[in-house]
């Protein structure tokens, strides 16, 4: 196994970072950053919580991509209350790349509470601090209880330390081409595409649907809702150690009622059989 994968179930009364003290150090470090920001959002305000995680290169999808610091400095119409709770965290062997995701709730004073799911791709800055690379959100009805915390702690196996920019770009191109192949198969048949490229324990975030966990459940959802999906990748990023990556692109989604335009983020993992599989996909408003 490339990663030691575990489930940790945390009671709803356990709100402090100390609740995650038993987690391995590497994923625990990233999780603490996300939890600290979430606590700042509760105790101070959403702007403080979000800004805690940012540097000048961070991107928010709102839903179009914007520079996150500029966005917050322009005083957007943020909710008065914004809470989130990570239930997935992973860190690469090279400790330069990670992902957190989980449920969120937001509310304007006087309005009803709304629910959703967030996805954050992280990177380490030159000082070793975790900063948001990109973050996106999707709204849902919040009817399903969140799953327990799942994490991927990196092992200590060695990895190739490439110095050539060209070689690093080639490694990213491999992932991009895999997404292109996935997208080409989707154009022919949605079920076949997801059957081939989703990991068995994949998570799926779709507008107005609660988190779906497991390939079989994703396929059942697509079948039940008669959803057809075409995608086109536009961006790729890969951990320096190579075993995780993300792709981002546009999607045309046909439902029973209409055709919708979305963006998507896919988080990929290189499995033991040296095949890339999607472990998380989010469709969100374009």
Protein backbone atom coordinates (compact mmCIF):
# COMPACT_ATOMS: atom_id res chain seq x y z
CA UNK A 1 0.00 0.00 0.00
CA UNK A 2 1.24 3.48 -0.82
CA UNK A 3 -0.73 4.97 2.08
CA UNK A 4 -1.90 3.85 5.47
CA UNK A 5 -5.60 4.54 5.37
CA UNK A 6 -7.65 4.80 8.54
CA UNK A 7 -11.03 5.85 9.83
CA UNK A 8 -11.39 7.99 12.93
CA UNK A 9 -14.88 8.65 14.30
CA UNK A 10 -15.19 11.79 16.43
CA UNK A 11 -18.18 12.64 18.59
CA UNK A 12 -20.10 15.79 17.79
CA UNK A 13 -19.27 17.24 21.22
CA UNK A 14 -15.55 17.19 20.46
CA UNK A 15 -14.79 20.58 18.94
CA UNK A 16 -11.17 21.33 19.73
CA UNK A 17 -8.05 20.54 17.72
CA UNK A 18 -6.95 18.31 20.59
CA UNK A 19 -9.60 15.82 19.52
CA UNK A 20 -7.33 14.88 16.63
CA UNK A 21 -4.22 14.56 18.80
CA UNK A 22 -3.96 10.83 18.17
CA UNK A 23 -3.63 11.28 14.42
CA UNK A 24 -0.26 10.62 12.77
CA UNK A 25 1.94 13.70 12.66
CA UNK A 26 1.91 14.39 8.91
CA UNK A 27 -1.82 14.42 8.26
CA UNK A 28 -2.37 15.84 11.75
CA UNK A 29 -0.31 18.91 10.88
CA UNK A 30 -2.46 19.75 7.86
CA UNK A 31 -5.67 18.93 9.67
CA UNK A 32 -4.72 21.28 12.51
CA UNK A 33 -4.33 24.17 10.03
CA UNK A 34 -7.78 23.52 8.58
CA UNK A 35 -9.29 23.12 12.06
CA UNK A 36 -7.62 26.29 13.34
CA UNK A 37 -9.07 28.26 10.43
CA UNK A 38 -12.52 26.75 11.07
CA UNK A 39 -12.30 27.73 14.74
CA UNK A 40 -11.30 31.29 13.80
CA UNK A 41 -14.31 31.46 11.50
CA UNK A 42 -16.51 30.51 14.47
CA UNK A 43 -14.88 32.63 17.16
CA UNK A 44 -14.12 35.74 15.10
CA UNK A 45 -15.69 35.82 11.64
CA UNK A 46 -15.57 33.92 8.33
CA UNK A 47 -13.14 36.40 6.77
CA UNK A 48 -10.56 35.80 9.53
CA UNK A 49 -10.91 32.06 9.23
CA UNK A 50 -10.48 32.02 5.47
CA UNK A 51 -7.63 34.52 5.40
CA UNK A 52 -5.65 32.45 7.92
CA UNK A 53 -5.08 29.82 5.20
CA UNK A 54 -4.09 32.11 2.32
CA UNK A 55 -1.07 33.52 0.55
CA UNK A 56 -0.88 35.69 -2.56
CA UNK A 57 -1.24 32.69 -4.90
CA UNK A 58 -4.33 31.10 -3.33
CA UNK A 59 -7.38 30.70 -5.56
CA UNK A 60 -11.08 30.58 -4.63
CA UNK A 61 -13.74 29.34 -7.02
CA UNK A 62 -16.77 31.58 -6.30
CA UNK A 63 -17.69 30.03 -8.76
CA UNK A 64 -15.21 31.56 -11.23
CA UNK A 65 -11.54 31.46 -10.15
CA UNK A 66 -10.36 34.56 -8.29
CA UNK A 67 -7.30 35.50 -6.30
CA UNK A 68 -8.44 34.68 -2.77
CA UNK A 69 -6.74 37.58 -0.93
CA UNK A 70 -8.00 40.16 -3.44
CA UNK A 71 -11.46 38.64 -3.18
CA UNK A 72 -11.56 38.95 0.61
CA UNK A 73 -9.99 42.43 0.57
CA UNK A 74 -12.82 43.60 -1.67
CA UNK A 75 -15.27 42.77 1.12
CA UNK A 76 -17.46 40.24 -0.63
CA UNK A 77 -20.91 39.40 0.65
CA UNK A 78 -19.71 36.63 2.95
CA UNK A 79 -22.14 34.77 5.21
CA UNK A 80 -22.30 35.93 8.82
CA UNK A 81 -21.71 32.36 9.98
CA UNK A 82 -19.45 29.86 8.21
CA UNK A 83 -18.58 26.52 9.80
CA UNK A 84 -16.78 23.57 8.27
CA UNK A 85 -15.52 20.20 9.51
CA UNK A 86 -12.95 18.15 7.55
CA UNK A 87 -13.80 14.47 7.16
CA UNK A 88 -11.06 13.63 4.65
CA UNK A 89 -7.37 14.58 4.80
CA UNK A 90 -4.39 13.37 2.82
CA UNK A 91 -0.75 14.41 2.54
CA UNK A 92 1.83 13.40 -0.06
CA UNK A 93 5.11 11.66 0.78
CA UNK A 94 6.99 14.79 -0.26
CA UNK A 95 4.93 16.77 2.31
CA UNK A 96 4.35 19.54 -0.24
CA UNK A 97 0.79 18.71 -1.28
CA UNK A 98 -2.43 17.79 0.48
CA UNK A 99 -6.21 17.75 0.38
CA UNK A 100 -8.95 18.32 2.93
CA UNK A 101 -12.68 18.17 2.38
CA UNK A 102 -15.84 17.91 4.41
CA UNK A 103 -19.27 19.38 5.18
CA UNK A 104 -19.91 23.07 5.74
CA UNK A 105 -22.78 25.22 6.97
CA UNK A 106 -23.33 28.92 6.32
CA UNK A 107 -25.95 31.48 7.20
CA UNK A 108 -26.82 35.15 6.87
CA UNK A 109 -28.44 36.71 9.91
CA UNK A 110 -32.20 36.37 9.54
CA UNK A 111 -31.97 33.70 6.83
CA UNK A 112 -32.15 29.93 7.04
CA UNK A 113 -29.00 27.86 7.54
CA UNK A 114 -27.61 26.38 4.34
CA UNK A 115 -25.36 23.38 3.80
CA UNK A 116 -22.67 22.23 1.43
CA UNK A 117 -19.35 20.54 0.94
CA UNK A 118 -15.91 22.09 0.52
CA UNK A 119 -12.76 20.83 -1.16
CA UNK A 120 -9.32 22.35 -0.59
CA UNK A 121 -6.11 21.46 -2.39
CA UNK A 122 -3.10 22.60 -0.31
CA UNK A 123 0.59 23.26 -0.90
CA UNK A 124 3.49 24.12 1.39
CA UNK A 125 5.14 27.51 1.05
CA UNK A 126 8.90 28.11 1.31
CA UNK A 127 8.62 28.44 5.09
CA UNK A 128 6.90 25.07 5.36
CA UNK A 129 3.44 26.49 6.11
CA UNK A 130 0.35 24.91 4.59
CA UNK A 131 -1.51 27.35 2.31
CA UNK A 132 -4.55 26.96 0.10
CA UNK A 133 -3.75 26.29 -3.53
CA UNK A 134 -7.41 26.20 -4.53
CA UNK A 135 -10.73 25.87 -2.75
CA UNK A 136 -14.22 25.22 -4.08
CA UNK A 137 -17.62 24.62 -2.54
CA UNK A 138 -20.87 23.01 -3.60
CA UNK A 139 -24.25 23.43 -1.91
CA UNK A 140 -26.46 20.53 -0.79
CA UNK A 141 -29.46 19.90 1.48
CA UNK A 142 -27.42 18.70 4.46
CA UNK A 143 -29.78 15.81 5.20
CA UNK A 144 -27.12 13.12 5.54
CA UNK A 145 -24.88 12.81 8.59
CA UNK A 146 -21.21 13.29 7.78
CA UNK A 147 -18.97 10.23 7.66
CA UNK A 148 -16.19 9.82 10.21
CA UNK A 149 -12.77 11.26 9.54
CA UNK A 150 -10.76 9.33 6.93
CA UNK A 151 -7.08 10.02 6.40
CA UNK A 152 -4.16 8.94 4.24
CA UNK A 153 -0.90 9.11 6.18
CA UNK A 154 2.20 8.91 3.91
CA UNK A 155 4.66 6.12 4.50
CA UNK A 156 8.43 6.56 4.47
CA UNK A 157 9.17 4.86 1.16
CA UNK A 158 11.66 6.76 -1.01
CA UNK A 159 10.56 8.65 -4.11
CA UNK A 160 12.39 10.03 -7.12
CA UNK A 161 13.57 13.60 -6.55
CA UNK A 162 13.38 15.12 -10.01
CA UNK A 163 15.22 18.40 -10.59
CA UNK A 164 14.32 19.00 -14.22
CA UNK A 165 11.35 21.30 -14.80
CA UNK A 166 10.72 19.50 -18.09
CA UNK A 167 10.57 16.14 -16.33
CA UNK A 168 8.16 17.48 -13.74
CA UNK A 169 5.95 18.84 -16.52
CA UNK A 170 6.04 15.45 -18.23
CA UNK A 171 4.86 13.79 -15.04
CA UNK A 172 1.94 16.20 -14.85
CA UNK A 173 1.16 15.55 -18.50
CA UNK A 174 0.69 11.85 -17.70
CA UNK A 175 -2.13 12.75 -15.31
CA UNK A 176 -3.63 15.24 -17.73
CA UNK A 177 -3.66 12.61 -20.48
CA UNK A 178 -5.34 10.16 -18.10
CA UNK A 179 -8.10 12.71 -17.49
CA UNK A 180 -8.38 13.23 -21.24
CA UNK A 181 -8.85 9.48 -21.68
CA UNK A 182 -11.45 9.46 -18.92
CA UNK A 183 -13.22 12.37 -20.61
CA UNK A 184 -13.18 10.66 -24.01
CA UNK A 185 -14.78 7.53 -22.55
CA UNK A 186 -17.41 9.66 -20.80
CA UNK A 187 -18.39 11.12 -24.14
CA UNK A 188 -19.19 7.60 -25.31
CA UNK A 189 -20.72 6.25 -22.09
CA UNK A 190 -20.90 7.83 -18.64
CA UNK A 191 -21.22 4.56 -16.70
CA UNK A 192 -18.23 2.98 -18.42
CA UNK A 193 -16.06 6.01 -17.74
CA UNK A 194 -16.78 6.14 -14.04
CA UNK A 195 -16.60 2.37 -13.69
CA UNK A 196 -13.09 2.44 -15.13
CA UNK A 197 -11.60 5.48 -13.40
CA UNK A 198 -13.25 5.80 -9.99
CA UNK A 199 -11.52 4.22 -6.99
CA UNK A 200 -13.66 1.77 -5.02
CA UNK A 201 -13.86 4.17 -2.06
CA UNK A 202 -14.20 7.37 -4.09
CA UNK A 203 -16.12 10.36 -2.77
CA UNK A 204 -18.45 12.33 -5.02
CA UNK A 205 -19.79 15.86 -4.52
CA UNK A 206 -22.62 16.97 -6.78
CA UNK A 207 -24.82 20.08 -6.44
CA UNK A 208 -27.80 19.57 -4.12
CA UNK A 209 -26.81 15.98 -3.32
CA UNK A 210 -25.26 14.91 -0.05
CA UNK A 211 -21.78 13.39 -0.11
CA UNK A 212 -21.73 10.05 -1.95
CA UNK A 213 -19.09 7.54 -0.80
CA UNK A 214 -18.09 4.44 -2.79
CA UNK A 215 -17.94 3.74 -6.52
CA UNK A 216 -21.02 1.52 -6.48
CA UNK A 217 -23.07 4.26 -4.83
CA UNK A 218 -21.84 6.85 -7.33
CA UNK A 219 -22.78 4.60 -10.24
CA UNK A 220 -26.20 3.96 -8.70
CA UNK A 221 -26.74 7.71 -8.29
CA UNK A 222 -25.83 8.42 -11.93
CA UNK A 223 -28.13 5.62 -13.10
CA UNK A 224 -31.05 6.60 -10.89
CA UNK A 225 -30.88 10.26 -11.87
CA UNK A 226 -30.18 9.41 -15.53
CA UNK A 227 -27.17 11.70 -15.56
CA UNK A 228 -24.85 11.93 -18.55
CA UNK A 229 -21.53 13.75 -18.11
CA UNK A 230 -19.00 15.12 -20.59
CA UNK A 231 -15.80 16.68 -19.24
CA UNK A 232 -12.82 18.56 -20.64
CA UNK A 233 -9.68 19.01 -18.50
CA UNK A 234 -7.95 22.40 -18.47
CA UNK A 235 -5.48 22.25 -15.56
CA UNK A 236 -3.33 19.74 -13.72
CA UNK A 237 -1.15 19.68 -10.62
CA UNK A 238 0.82 16.85 -9.07
CA UNK A 239 2.59 16.27 -5.76
CA UNK A 240 6.39 16.33 -6.04
CA UNK A 241 6.54 12.73 -4.81
CA UNK A 242 4.16 11.81 -7.60
CA UNK A 243 1.46 9.68 -6.01
CA UNK A 244 -1.32 12.29 -5.81
CA UNK A 245 -2.57 14.82 -8.35
CA UNK A 246 -5.56 16.93 -9.27
CA UNK A 247 -7.18 17.91 -12.54
CA UNK A 248 -9.62 20.72 -13.11
CA UNK A 249 -11.88 21.39 -16.06
CA UNK A 250 -15.34 22.07 -17.44
CA UNK A 251 -18.30 19.71 -17.53
CA UNK A 252 -21.57 19.45 -19.44
CA UNK A 253 -24.09 17.51 -17.36
CA UNK A 254 -27.35 16.23 -18.75
CA UNK A 255 -30.06 15.44 -16.18
CA UNK A 256 -33.64 14.26 -16.56
CA UNK A 257 -34.79 17.89 -16.77
CA UNK A 258 -32.01 19.95 -18.38
CA UNK A 259 -28.41 20.38 -19.44
CA UNK A 260 -26.11 22.18 -16.97
CA UNK A 261 -22.64 23.71 -17.21
CA UNK A 262 -20.28 22.97 -14.33
CA UNK A 263 -16.63 23.03 -13.44
CA UNK A 264 -15.02 20.02 -11.81
CA UNK A 265 -12.06 19.07 -9.64
CA UNK A 266 -10.74 15.53 -9.55
CA UNK A 267 -8.26 14.26 -6.98
CA UNK A 268 -6.23 11.33 -8.29
CA UNK A 269 -4.16 8.66 -6.58
CA UNK A 270 -1.58 6.39 -8.21
CA UNK A 271 -2.56 2.93 -7.02
CA UNK A 272 -0.38 -0.12 -6.37
CA UNK A 273 -1.09 -1.42 -9.88
CA UNK A 274 0.35 1.87 -11.28
CA UNK A 275 -3.05 2.99 -12.54
CA UNK A 276 -4.44 6.42 -11.71
CA UNK A 277 -7.83 6.40 -9.99
CA UNK A 278 -10.11 9.26 -8.93
CA UNK A 279 -10.55 9.26 -5.15
CA UNK A 280 -12.63 12.45 -5.04
CA UNK A 281 -14.62 14.42 -7.60
CA UNK A 282 -16.54 17.65 -7.14
CA UNK A 283 -18.93 19.16 -9.66
CA UNK A 284 -19.71 22.80 -8.92
CA UNK A 285 -21.38 25.79 -10.56
CA UNK A 286 -19.38 27.30 -13.40
